[in-house]
C-alpha cells in the first residue's frame, strides 16, 4: 500500500489521496489542501452522509491515523497491516451487531395482521398456538388472537373426535355381535 491514500468517512474504503468521490458509496469529499467547494450530492447521498455511523467514522479515523504513522515511519509495514486488520475486524463486529439490532427492531415493528397461517398452526399444534398466544398477547394482539383461536378450535375438535371415537368403539362391537346372533 502506498502512503498516498485516504479513507472514505462513509464506508471506510481505501482510496487514492487525489480521489474526490468514494468509488464504493459515491460520497464526495475534499482534502484539507483544497479550497472547499460546495459539493451538492444527490438526496440519497446527503441522507447517507447524515446517517454515518460512529463505527464508520471511528474506522476511517483509525485507518487514517495508521496511514499517517506508516508514512512518518513511526510504525513498520507489518505493524500497519496487523493494526489495519484488527481495526477492520472490530468494524465488522460492530457492523454485525448493528445489523442484528436493526433486524430485531424491524421484526418488532412488523405489522400485526394476524392471518390464517397462525390459526392453522395453532389448530394443528395447539400447544404452539397457546404459547404464541401467551407470548404475543400484549405485543401483537391480533396475531396472538388468531393463534389462540386456532389452538382452541384444535383442542375442541380433538375432544369431540375423541368422544365420538370412544362411543363408536363401544357401540360398533355390540352392533356387529348382535348381527351374528
N, C-alpha and C. Protein backbone atom coordinates (compact mmCIF):
# COMPACT_ATOMS: atom_id res chain seq x y z
N UNK A 1 0.84 -1.17 0.00
CA UNK A 1 0.00 0.00 0.00
C UNK A 1 0.88 1.23 0.00
N UNK A 2 0.50 2.24 -0.76
CA UNK A 2 1.27 3.47 -0.80
C UNK A 2 0.83 4.38 0.33
N UNK A 3 1.69 5.37 0.61
CA UNK A 3 1.36 6.27 1.70
C UNK A 3 0.38 7.35 1.26
N UNK A 4 0.15 7.48 -0.04
CA UNK A 4 -0.76 8.50 -0.54
C UNK A 4 -2.17 7.92 -0.66
N UNK A 5 -2.75 7.63 0.49
CA UNK A 5 -4.11 7.10 0.50
C UNK A 5 -4.93 7.84 1.54
N UNK A 6 -6.22 7.74 1.38
CA UNK A 6 -7.15 8.23 2.39
C UNK A 6 -8.31 7.26 2.43
N UNK A 7 -9.20 7.47 3.40
CA UNK A 7 -10.30 6.55 3.61
C UNK A 7 -11.62 7.31 3.59
N UNK A 8 -12.60 6.67 3.01
CA UNK A 8 -13.93 7.28 2.93
C UNK A 8 -14.55 7.33 4.32
N UNK A 9 -15.04 8.49 4.75
CA UNK A 9 -15.66 8.57 6.07
C UNK A 9 -17.01 7.85 6.14
N UNK A 10 -17.61 7.53 4.99
CA UNK A 10 -18.90 6.86 4.98
C UNK A 10 -18.77 5.35 5.08
N UNK A 11 -17.96 4.75 4.21
CA UNK A 11 -17.88 3.29 4.17
C UNK A 11 -16.52 2.74 4.56
N UNK A 12 -15.50 3.60 4.73
CA UNK A 12 -14.18 3.14 5.15
C UNK A 12 -13.32 2.59 4.05
N UNK A 13 -13.72 2.71 2.81
CA UNK A 13 -12.97 2.17 1.68
C UNK A 13 -11.67 2.95 1.51
N UNK A 14 -10.58 2.22 1.22
CA UNK A 14 -9.29 2.85 0.97
C UNK A 14 -9.30 3.45 -0.44
N UNK A 15 -8.86 4.71 -0.54
CA UNK A 15 -8.92 5.44 -1.81
C UNK A 15 -7.59 6.14 -2.07
N UNK A 16 -7.29 6.45 -3.33
CA UNK A 16 -6.11 7.27 -3.62
C UNK A 16 -6.29 8.66 -3.00
N UNK A 17 -5.18 9.31 -2.66
CA UNK A 17 -5.23 10.61 -2.00
C UNK A 17 -5.92 11.66 -2.85
N UNK A 18 -5.84 11.54 -4.18
CA UNK A 18 -6.44 12.55 -5.04
C UNK A 18 -7.92 12.31 -5.35
N UNK A 19 -8.49 11.24 -4.81
CA UNK A 19 -9.89 10.92 -5.09
C UNK A 19 -10.81 12.00 -4.52
N UNK A 20 -11.81 12.38 -5.30
CA UNK A 20 -12.78 13.37 -4.86
C UNK A 20 -14.11 12.74 -4.48
N UNK A 21 -14.32 11.50 -4.92
CA UNK A 21 -15.52 10.75 -4.60
C UNK A 21 -15.12 9.33 -4.23
N UNK A 22 -15.88 8.72 -3.36
CA UNK A 22 -15.64 7.33 -3.00
C UNK A 22 -16.17 6.43 -4.11
N UNK A 23 -15.36 5.49 -4.54
CA UNK A 23 -15.80 4.56 -5.59
C UNK A 23 -16.74 3.50 -5.03
N UNK A 24 -16.80 3.37 -3.71
CA UNK A 24 -17.68 2.38 -3.11
C UNK A 24 -19.09 2.88 -2.89
N UNK A 25 -19.20 4.08 -2.29
CA UNK A 25 -20.54 4.56 -1.94
C UNK A 25 -20.90 5.87 -2.64
N UNK A 26 -19.93 6.51 -3.33
CA UNK A 26 -20.21 7.73 -4.07
C UNK A 26 -20.17 9.00 -3.25
N UNK A 27 -19.76 8.91 -1.99
CA UNK A 27 -19.69 10.11 -1.16
C UNK A 27 -18.62 11.05 -1.69
N UNK A 28 -18.96 12.32 -1.83
CA UNK A 28 -18.00 13.31 -2.30
C UNK A 28 -17.30 13.95 -1.11
N UNK A 29 -16.00 14.30 -1.31
CA UNK A 29 -15.25 14.95 -0.24
C UNK A 29 -14.11 15.75 -0.83
N UNK A 30 -13.57 16.66 -0.03
CA UNK A 30 -12.43 17.47 -0.43
C UNK A 30 -11.33 17.25 0.57
N UNK A 31 -10.09 17.52 0.17
CA UNK A 31 -8.97 17.41 1.09
C UNK A 31 -8.76 18.73 1.78
N UNK A 32 -7.95 18.73 2.82
CA UNK A 32 -7.69 19.95 3.57
C UNK A 32 -6.97 20.97 2.71
N UNK A 33 -6.10 20.50 1.82
CA UNK A 33 -5.32 21.41 0.99
C UNK A 33 -6.19 22.17 -0.01
N UNK A 34 -7.31 21.59 -0.40
CA UNK A 34 -8.17 22.24 -1.38
C UNK A 34 -9.05 23.28 -0.71
N UNK A 35 -9.43 24.25 -1.48
CA UNK A 35 -10.43 25.19 -1.00
C UNK A 35 -11.76 24.48 -1.09
N UNK A 36 -12.45 24.37 0.01
CA UNK A 36 -13.70 23.61 -0.05
C UNK A 36 -14.71 24.28 -0.98
N UNK A 37 -15.14 23.53 -1.96
CA UNK A 37 -16.20 23.97 -2.83
C UNK A 37 -17.46 23.26 -2.40
N UNK A 38 -18.58 23.95 -2.45
CA UNK A 38 -19.80 23.25 -2.06
C UNK A 38 -20.08 22.10 -3.04
N UNK A 39 -20.17 20.92 -2.48
CA UNK A 39 -20.48 19.74 -3.28
C UNK A 39 -21.93 19.38 -2.98
N UNK A 40 -22.74 19.45 -4.00
CA UNK A 40 -24.14 19.12 -3.83
C UNK A 40 -24.32 17.68 -4.25
N UNK A 41 -24.51 16.83 -3.26
CA UNK A 41 -24.70 15.42 -3.54
C UNK A 41 -26.18 15.15 -3.75
N UNK A 42 -26.50 14.10 -4.50
CA UNK A 42 -27.90 13.72 -4.63
C UNK A 42 -28.51 13.46 -3.26
N UNK A 43 -29.81 13.50 -3.19
CA UNK A 43 -30.52 13.37 -1.92
C UNK A 43 -30.16 12.09 -1.19
N UNK A 44 -30.00 10.98 -1.93
CA UNK A 44 -29.68 9.72 -1.27
C UNK A 44 -28.30 9.78 -0.63
N UNK A 45 -27.33 10.46 -1.26
CA UNK A 45 -26.00 10.60 -0.68
C UNK A 45 -26.03 11.53 0.51
N UNK A 46 -26.83 12.60 0.44
CA UNK A 46 -26.93 13.50 1.58
C UNK A 46 -27.52 12.77 2.77
N UNK A 47 -28.52 11.95 2.53
CA UNK A 47 -29.13 11.19 3.60
C UNK A 47 -28.13 10.19 4.16
N UNK A 48 -27.35 9.55 3.29
CA UNK A 48 -26.35 8.58 3.75
C UNK A 48 -25.28 9.28 4.59
N UNK A 49 -24.88 10.50 4.19
CA UNK A 49 -23.88 11.23 4.96
C UNK A 49 -24.41 11.59 6.34
N UNK A 50 -25.68 11.90 6.44
CA UNK A 50 -26.27 12.23 7.74
C UNK A 50 -26.38 10.99 8.62
N UNK A 51 -26.47 9.83 8.02
CA UNK A 51 -26.63 8.60 8.77
C UNK A 51 -25.32 7.86 8.98
N UNK A 52 -24.18 8.55 8.85
CA UNK A 52 -22.90 7.91 9.05
C UNK A 52 -22.81 7.40 10.48
N UNK A 53 -22.54 6.13 10.60
CA UNK A 53 -22.49 5.54 11.94
C UNK A 53 -21.20 5.92 12.63
N UNK A 54 -21.19 5.94 13.94
CA UNK A 54 -19.95 6.24 14.67
C UNK A 54 -18.87 5.21 14.39
N UNK A 55 -19.27 3.96 14.11
CA UNK A 55 -18.28 2.92 13.81
C UNK A 55 -17.53 3.23 12.53
N UNK A 56 -18.25 3.69 11.50
CA UNK A 56 -17.61 4.03 10.23
C UNK A 56 -16.66 5.20 10.42
N UNK A 57 -17.09 6.20 11.15
CA UNK A 57 -16.25 7.37 11.40
C UNK A 57 -15.01 6.96 12.18
N UNK A 58 -15.18 6.15 13.21
CA UNK A 58 -14.04 5.70 14.01
C UNK A 58 -13.07 4.88 13.17
N UNK A 59 -13.59 4.01 12.31
CA UNK A 59 -12.73 3.21 11.44
C UNK A 59 -11.95 4.10 10.50
N UNK A 60 -12.61 5.06 9.91
CA UNK A 60 -11.95 5.97 8.98
C UNK A 60 -10.84 6.74 9.68
N UNK A 61 -11.10 7.23 10.87
CA UNK A 61 -10.09 7.98 11.62
C UNK A 61 -8.92 7.08 11.99
N UNK A 62 -9.21 5.86 12.43
CA UNK A 62 -8.15 4.93 12.82
C UNK A 62 -7.29 4.55 11.62
N UNK A 63 -7.90 4.27 10.49
CA UNK A 63 -7.13 3.90 9.30
C UNK A 63 -6.29 5.08 8.81
N UNK A 64 -6.83 6.28 8.90
CA UNK A 64 -6.07 7.46 8.51
C UNK A 64 -4.89 7.67 9.46
N UNK A 65 -5.11 7.45 10.76
CA UNK A 65 -4.04 7.59 11.75
C UNK A 65 -2.93 6.57 11.48
N UNK A 66 -3.33 5.32 11.20
CA UNK A 66 -2.34 4.29 10.88
C UNK A 66 -1.56 4.63 9.62
N UNK A 67 -2.25 5.16 8.63
CA UNK A 67 -1.60 5.55 7.39
C UNK A 67 -0.59 6.68 7.63
N UNK A 68 -0.97 7.64 8.46
CA UNK A 68 -0.05 8.74 8.79
C UNK A 68 1.16 8.23 9.56
N UNK A 69 0.95 7.29 10.49
CA UNK A 69 2.07 6.72 11.24
C UNK A 69 3.01 5.96 10.33
N UNK A 70 2.46 5.22 9.37
CA UNK A 70 3.29 4.49 8.42
C UNK A 70 4.07 5.45 7.55
N UNK A 71 3.42 6.50 7.11
CA UNK A 71 4.06 7.49 6.25
C UNK A 71 5.20 8.20 6.97
N UNK A 72 5.01 8.48 8.24
CA UNK A 72 6.05 9.17 9.01
C UNK A 72 7.15 8.23 9.46
N UNK A 73 6.97 6.93 9.30
CA UNK A 73 7.99 5.97 9.69
C UNK A 73 7.89 5.54 11.13
N UNK A 74 6.84 5.91 11.83
CA UNK A 74 6.69 5.56 13.24
C UNK A 74 6.35 4.09 13.44
N UNK A 75 5.74 3.46 12.45
CA UNK A 75 5.43 2.04 12.53
C UNK A 75 5.90 1.35 11.27
N UNK A 76 6.10 0.03 11.36
CA UNK A 76 6.52 -0.74 10.20
C UNK A 76 5.31 -1.15 9.37
N UNK A 77 5.59 -1.62 8.18
CA UNK A 77 4.52 -2.09 7.30
C UNK A 77 3.77 -3.26 7.95
N UNK A 78 4.52 -4.14 8.63
CA UNK A 78 3.90 -5.30 9.28
C UNK A 78 2.97 -4.85 10.40
N UNK A 79 3.40 -3.90 11.21
CA UNK A 79 2.57 -3.37 12.29
C UNK A 79 1.34 -2.69 11.71
N UNK A 80 1.55 -1.97 10.62
CA UNK A 80 0.44 -1.30 9.96
C UNK A 80 -0.60 -2.31 9.50
N UNK A 81 -0.14 -3.36 8.84
CA UNK A 81 -1.07 -4.36 8.31
C UNK A 81 -1.84 -5.06 9.43
N UNK A 82 -1.15 -5.43 10.51
CA UNK A 82 -1.84 -6.11 11.60
C UNK A 82 -2.82 -5.17 12.31
N UNK A 83 -2.43 -3.92 12.50
CA UNK A 83 -3.33 -2.95 13.13
C UNK A 83 -4.53 -2.67 12.23
N UNK A 84 -4.29 -2.60 10.92
CA UNK A 84 -5.38 -2.38 9.97
C UNK A 84 -6.36 -3.56 10.01
N UNK A 85 -5.83 -4.79 10.03
CA UNK A 85 -6.69 -5.97 10.09
C UNK A 85 -7.51 -5.98 11.38
N UNK A 86 -6.89 -5.59 12.49
CA UNK A 86 -7.61 -5.54 13.76
C UNK A 86 -8.71 -4.49 13.72
N UNK A 87 -8.43 -3.32 13.14
CA UNK A 87 -9.43 -2.26 13.04
C UNK A 87 -10.59 -2.70 12.16
N UNK A 88 -10.28 -3.36 11.06
CA UNK A 88 -11.34 -3.83 10.16
C UNK A 88 -12.19 -4.92 10.82
N UNK A 89 -11.53 -5.79 11.61
CA UNK A 89 -12.28 -6.84 12.31
C UNK A 89 -13.20 -6.21 13.36
N UNK A 90 -12.70 -5.21 14.05
CA UNK A 90 -13.53 -4.51 15.04
C UNK A 90 -14.72 -3.85 14.36
N UNK A 91 -14.47 -3.23 13.21
CA UNK A 91 -15.54 -2.60 12.45
C UNK A 91 -16.57 -3.64 12.00
N UNK A 92 -16.09 -4.78 11.51
CA UNK A 92 -17.01 -5.83 11.04
C UNK A 92 -17.89 -6.33 12.19
N UNK A 93 -17.30 -6.50 13.38
CA UNK A 93 -18.08 -6.93 14.54
C UNK A 93 -19.12 -5.89 14.92
N UNK A 94 -18.72 -4.62 14.90
CA UNK A 94 -19.66 -3.55 15.24
C UNK A 94 -20.78 -3.49 14.21
N UNK A 95 -20.46 -3.68 12.93
CA UNK A 95 -21.47 -3.65 11.87
C UNK A 95 -22.43 -4.82 12.02
N UNK A 96 -21.89 -6.00 12.38
CA UNK A 96 -22.77 -7.16 12.60
C UNK A 96 -23.73 -6.91 13.73
N UNK A 97 -23.23 -6.34 14.82
CA UNK A 97 -24.10 -6.05 15.96
C UNK A 97 -25.16 -5.02 15.57
N UNK A 98 -24.76 -4.01 14.79
CA UNK A 98 -25.72 -3.00 14.36
C UNK A 98 -26.78 -3.62 13.45
N UNK A 99 -26.36 -4.51 12.55
CA UNK A 99 -27.31 -5.17 11.66
C UNK A 99 -28.26 -6.07 12.44
N UNK A 100 -27.74 -6.78 13.45
CA UNK A 100 -28.59 -7.64 14.27
C UNK A 100 -29.60 -6.80 15.04
N UNK A 101 -29.14 -5.68 15.56
CA UNK A 101 -30.04 -4.79 16.29
C UNK A 101 -31.13 -4.24 15.36
N UNK A 102 -30.73 -3.88 14.14
CA UNK A 102 -31.70 -3.37 13.18
C UNK A 102 -32.71 -4.45 12.80
N UNK A 103 -32.25 -5.70 12.68
CA UNK A 103 -33.16 -6.79 12.34
C UNK A 103 -34.18 -7.02 13.47
N UNK A 104 -33.71 -6.91 14.71
CA UNK A 104 -34.62 -7.09 15.85
C UNK A 104 -35.65 -5.96 15.87
N UNK A 105 -35.19 -4.72 15.62
CA UNK A 105 -36.12 -3.60 15.59
C UNK A 105 -37.12 -3.73 14.46
N UNK A 106 -36.65 -4.21 13.30
CA UNK A 106 -37.54 -4.38 12.16
C UNK A 106 -38.58 -5.47 12.46
N UNK A 107 -38.13 -6.56 13.10
CA UNK A 107 -39.07 -7.63 13.44
C UNK A 107 -40.09 -7.14 14.46
N UNK A 108 -39.63 -6.31 15.39
CA UNK A 108 -40.55 -5.78 16.40
C UNK A 108 -41.56 -4.82 15.77
N UNK A 109 -41.16 -4.17 14.70
CA UNK A 109 -42.04 -3.21 14.05
C UNK A 109 -42.90 -3.85 12.96
N UNK A 110 -42.83 -5.18 12.83
CA UNK A 110 -43.61 -5.87 11.81
C UNK A 110 -45.09 -5.64 12.07
N UNK A 111 -45.87 -5.48 11.01
CA UNK A 111 -47.29 -5.22 11.20
C UNK A 111 -48.00 -6.40 11.84
N UNK A 112 -48.94 -6.10 12.71
CA UNK A 112 -49.72 -7.12 13.41
C UNK A 112 -51.00 -7.35 12.63
N UNK A 113 -50.95 -8.30 11.68
CA UNK A 113 -52.10 -8.53 10.81
C UNK A 113 -52.82 -9.83 11.10
N UNK A 114 -52.29 -10.61 12.03
CA UNK A 114 -52.94 -11.90 12.28
C UNK A 114 -52.73 -12.81 11.09
N UNK A 115 -53.76 -13.50 10.68
CA UNK A 115 -53.66 -14.30 9.48
C UNK A 115 -54.06 -15.73 9.71
N UNK A 116 -54.47 -16.37 8.62
CA UNK A 116 -54.93 -17.74 8.65
C UNK A 116 -53.79 -18.70 9.01
N UNK A 117 -52.57 -18.37 8.60
CA UNK A 117 -51.43 -19.24 8.86
C UNK A 117 -51.22 -19.50 10.35
N UNK A 118 -51.35 -18.44 11.15
CA UNK A 118 -51.18 -18.61 12.60
C UNK A 118 -52.32 -19.43 13.19
N UNK A 119 -53.51 -19.24 12.67
CA UNK A 119 -54.64 -20.03 13.15
C UNK A 119 -54.45 -21.50 12.78
N UNK A 120 -53.98 -21.77 11.57
CA UNK A 120 -53.75 -23.15 11.14
C UNK A 120 -52.65 -23.79 11.98
N UNK A 121 -51.60 -23.03 12.27
CA UNK A 121 -50.53 -23.55 13.12
C UNK A 121 -51.08 -23.89 14.51
N UNK A 122 -51.89 -23.01 15.06
CA UNK A 122 -52.50 -23.27 16.37
C UNK A 122 -53.46 -24.45 16.34
N UNK A 123 -54.18 -24.64 15.22
CA UNK A 123 -55.12 -25.75 15.10
C UNK A 123 -54.40 -27.09 15.11
N UNK A 124 -53.36 -27.21 14.28
CA UNK A 124 -52.66 -28.48 14.17
C UNK A 124 -51.70 -28.73 15.33
N UNK A 125 -51.21 -27.67 15.95
CA UNK A 125 -50.30 -27.78 17.10
C UNK A 125 -50.82 -26.86 18.21
N UNK A 126 -51.84 -27.31 18.95
CA UNK A 126 -52.47 -26.44 19.94
C UNK A 126 -51.52 -25.89 21.00
N UNK A 127 -50.53 -26.67 21.42
CA UNK A 127 -49.59 -26.16 22.42
C UNK A 127 -48.80 -24.98 21.86
N UNK A 128 -48.39 -25.07 20.60
CA UNK A 128 -47.67 -23.97 19.97
C UNK A 128 -48.58 -22.75 19.87
N UNK A 129 -49.83 -22.95 19.49
CA UNK A 129 -50.78 -21.84 19.42
C UNK A 129 -50.99 -21.18 20.76
N UNK A 130 -51.07 -21.99 21.82
CA UNK A 130 -51.23 -21.45 23.17
C UNK A 130 -50.00 -20.65 23.59
N UNK A 131 -48.83 -21.19 23.32
CA UNK A 131 -47.59 -20.49 23.66
C UNK A 131 -47.49 -19.17 22.90
N UNK A 132 -47.79 -19.21 21.60
CA UNK A 132 -47.74 -17.97 20.82
C UNK A 132 -48.75 -16.95 21.34
N UNK A 133 -49.92 -17.43 21.73
CA UNK A 133 -50.92 -16.52 22.29
C UNK A 133 -50.38 -15.85 23.55
N UNK A 134 -49.81 -16.64 24.44
CA UNK A 134 -49.32 -16.10 25.70
C UNK A 134 -48.14 -15.15 25.50
N UNK A 135 -47.29 -15.45 24.52
CA UNK A 135 -46.12 -14.60 24.27
C UNK A 135 -46.52 -13.29 23.58
N UNK A 136 -47.46 -13.37 22.65
CA UNK A 136 -47.79 -12.21 21.82
C UNK A 136 -49.00 -11.42 22.28
N UNK A 137 -49.69 -11.83 23.33
CA UNK A 137 -50.97 -11.19 23.66
C UNK A 137 -50.84 -9.69 23.93
N UNK A 138 -49.69 -9.20 24.38
CA UNK A 138 -49.50 -7.77 24.62
C UNK A 138 -48.88 -7.05 23.43
N UNK A 139 -47.92 -7.70 22.77
CA UNK A 139 -47.19 -7.04 21.68
C UNK A 139 -47.89 -7.12 20.34
N UNK A 140 -48.48 -8.27 20.03
CA UNK A 140 -49.13 -8.49 18.74
C UNK A 140 -50.49 -9.12 18.99
N UNK A 141 -51.45 -8.35 19.49
CA UNK A 141 -52.73 -8.94 19.93
C UNK A 141 -53.53 -9.60 18.81
N UNK A 142 -53.49 -9.08 17.60
CA UNK A 142 -54.29 -9.68 16.51
C UNK A 142 -53.72 -11.04 16.12
N UNK A 143 -52.41 -11.11 16.00
CA UNK A 143 -51.76 -12.38 15.66
C UNK A 143 -51.93 -13.37 16.81
N UNK A 144 -51.81 -12.88 18.05
CA UNK A 144 -51.99 -13.75 19.22
C UNK A 144 -53.39 -14.33 19.25
N UNK A 145 -54.37 -13.49 18.93
CA UNK A 145 -55.76 -13.95 18.92
C UNK A 145 -55.97 -15.03 17.86
N UNK A 146 -55.37 -14.86 16.68
CA UNK A 146 -55.50 -15.87 15.62
C UNK A 146 -54.89 -17.19 16.05
N UNK A 147 -53.68 -17.14 16.63
CA UNK A 147 -53.02 -18.38 17.09
C UNK A 147 -53.82 -19.01 18.22
N UNK A 148 -54.33 -18.19 19.14
CA UNK A 148 -55.13 -18.71 20.25
C UNK A 148 -56.42 -19.34 19.80
N UNK A 149 -57.11 -18.68 18.84
CA UNK A 149 -58.36 -19.27 18.30
C UNK A 149 -58.08 -20.60 17.63
N UNK A 150 -57.01 -20.66 16.86
CA UNK A 150 -56.65 -21.91 16.20
C UNK A 150 -56.39 -23.01 17.21
N UNK A 151 -55.68 -22.67 18.29
CA UNK A 151 -55.41 -23.66 19.34
C UNK A 151 -56.68 -24.12 20.02
N UNK A 152 -57.55 -23.18 20.32
CA UNK A 152 -58.82 -23.51 20.99
C UNK A 152 -59.68 -24.40 20.10
N UNK A 153 -59.81 -24.05 18.85
CA UNK A 153 -60.60 -24.86 17.91
C UNK A 153 -59.97 -26.23 17.74
N UNK A 154 -58.62 -26.28 17.68
CA UNK A 154 -57.93 -27.57 17.57
C UNK A 154 -58.20 -28.47 18.75
N UNK A 155 -58.19 -27.91 19.95
CA UNK A 155 -58.46 -28.70 21.16
C UNK A 155 -59.91 -29.19 21.17
N UNK A 156 -60.85 -28.29 20.82
CA UNK A 156 -62.27 -28.67 20.80
C UNK A 156 -62.51 -29.79 19.79
N UNK A 157 -61.96 -29.66 18.60
CA UNK A 157 -62.13 -30.70 17.58
C UNK A 157 -61.52 -32.01 18.05
N UNK A 158 -60.35 -31.95 18.70
CA UNK A 158 -59.72 -33.18 19.21
C UNK A 158 -60.59 -33.86 20.26
N UNK A 159 -61.16 -33.08 21.16
CA UNK A 159 -62.01 -33.65 22.21
C UNK A 159 -63.27 -34.26 21.60
N UNK A 160 -63.92 -33.54 20.69
CA UNK A 160 -65.13 -34.05 20.06
C UNK A 160 -64.84 -35.34 19.29
N UNK A 161 -63.76 -35.36 18.53
CA UNK A 161 -63.42 -36.57 17.78
C UNK A 161 -63.07 -37.72 18.72
N UNK A 162 -62.40 -37.42 19.82
CA UNK A 162 -62.07 -38.48 20.79
C UNK A 162 -63.33 -39.07 21.41
N UNK A 163 -64.30 -38.23 21.78
CA UNK A 163 -65.56 -38.70 22.35
C UNK A 163 -66.31 -39.54 21.32
N UNK A 164 -66.40 -39.04 20.08
CA UNK A 164 -67.10 -39.81 19.04
C UNK A 164 -66.40 -41.14 18.78
N UNK A 165 -65.10 -41.14 18.75
CA UNK A 165 -64.37 -42.38 18.53
C UNK A 165 -64.57 -43.34 19.70
N UNK A 166 -64.62 -42.83 20.92
CA UNK A 166 -64.88 -43.67 22.09
C UNK A 166 -66.26 -44.29 22.03
N UNK A 167 -67.26 -43.50 21.68
CA UNK A 167 -68.63 -44.02 21.57
C UNK A 167 -68.71 -45.05 20.45
N UNK A 168 -68.10 -44.73 19.33
CA UNK A 168 -68.12 -45.65 18.19
C UNK A 168 -67.42 -46.95 18.53
N UNK A 169 -66.32 -46.88 19.25
CA UNK A 169 -65.60 -48.10 19.59
C UNK A 169 -66.36 -48.95 20.61
N UNK A 170 -67.24 -48.34 21.39
CA UNK A 170 -68.05 -49.10 22.34
C UNK A 170 -69.30 -49.67 21.68
N UNK A 171 -69.88 -48.92 20.76
CA UNK A 171 -71.14 -49.32 20.14
C UNK A 171 -70.92 -50.27 18.97
N UNK A 172 -69.91 -50.04 18.18
CA UNK A 172 -69.69 -50.83 16.97
C UNK A 172 -69.51 -52.32 17.27
N UNK A 173 -68.75 -52.73 18.25
CA UNK A 173 -68.65 -54.17 18.53
C UNK A 173 -70.00 -54.80 18.95
N UNK A 174 -70.83 -54.02 19.66
CA UNK A 174 -72.14 -54.55 20.04
C UNK A 174 -73.03 -54.75 18.83
N UNK A 175 -72.98 -53.82 17.91
CA UNK A 175 -73.78 -53.93 16.69
C UNK A 175 -73.32 -55.15 15.88
N UNK A 176 -72.05 -55.31 15.77
CA UNK A 176 -71.50 -56.44 14.99
C UNK A 176 -71.85 -57.76 15.64
N UNK A 177 -71.70 -57.83 16.97
CA UNK A 177 -72.00 -59.08 17.67
C UNK A 177 -73.49 -59.43 17.59
N UNK A 178 -74.36 -58.43 17.67
CA UNK A 178 -75.78 -58.68 17.57
C UNK A 178 -76.20 -59.11 16.18
N UNK A 179 -75.48 -58.69 15.18
CA UNK A 179 -75.87 -59.06 13.83
C UNK A 179 -75.55 -60.54 13.53
N UNK A 180 -74.64 -61.19 14.28
CA UNK A 180 -74.31 -62.60 14.06
C UNK A 180 -75.27 -63.51 14.80
N UNK A 181 -75.95 -63.07 15.79
CA UNK A 181 -76.83 -63.95 16.56
C UNK A 181 -78.24 -63.79 16.23
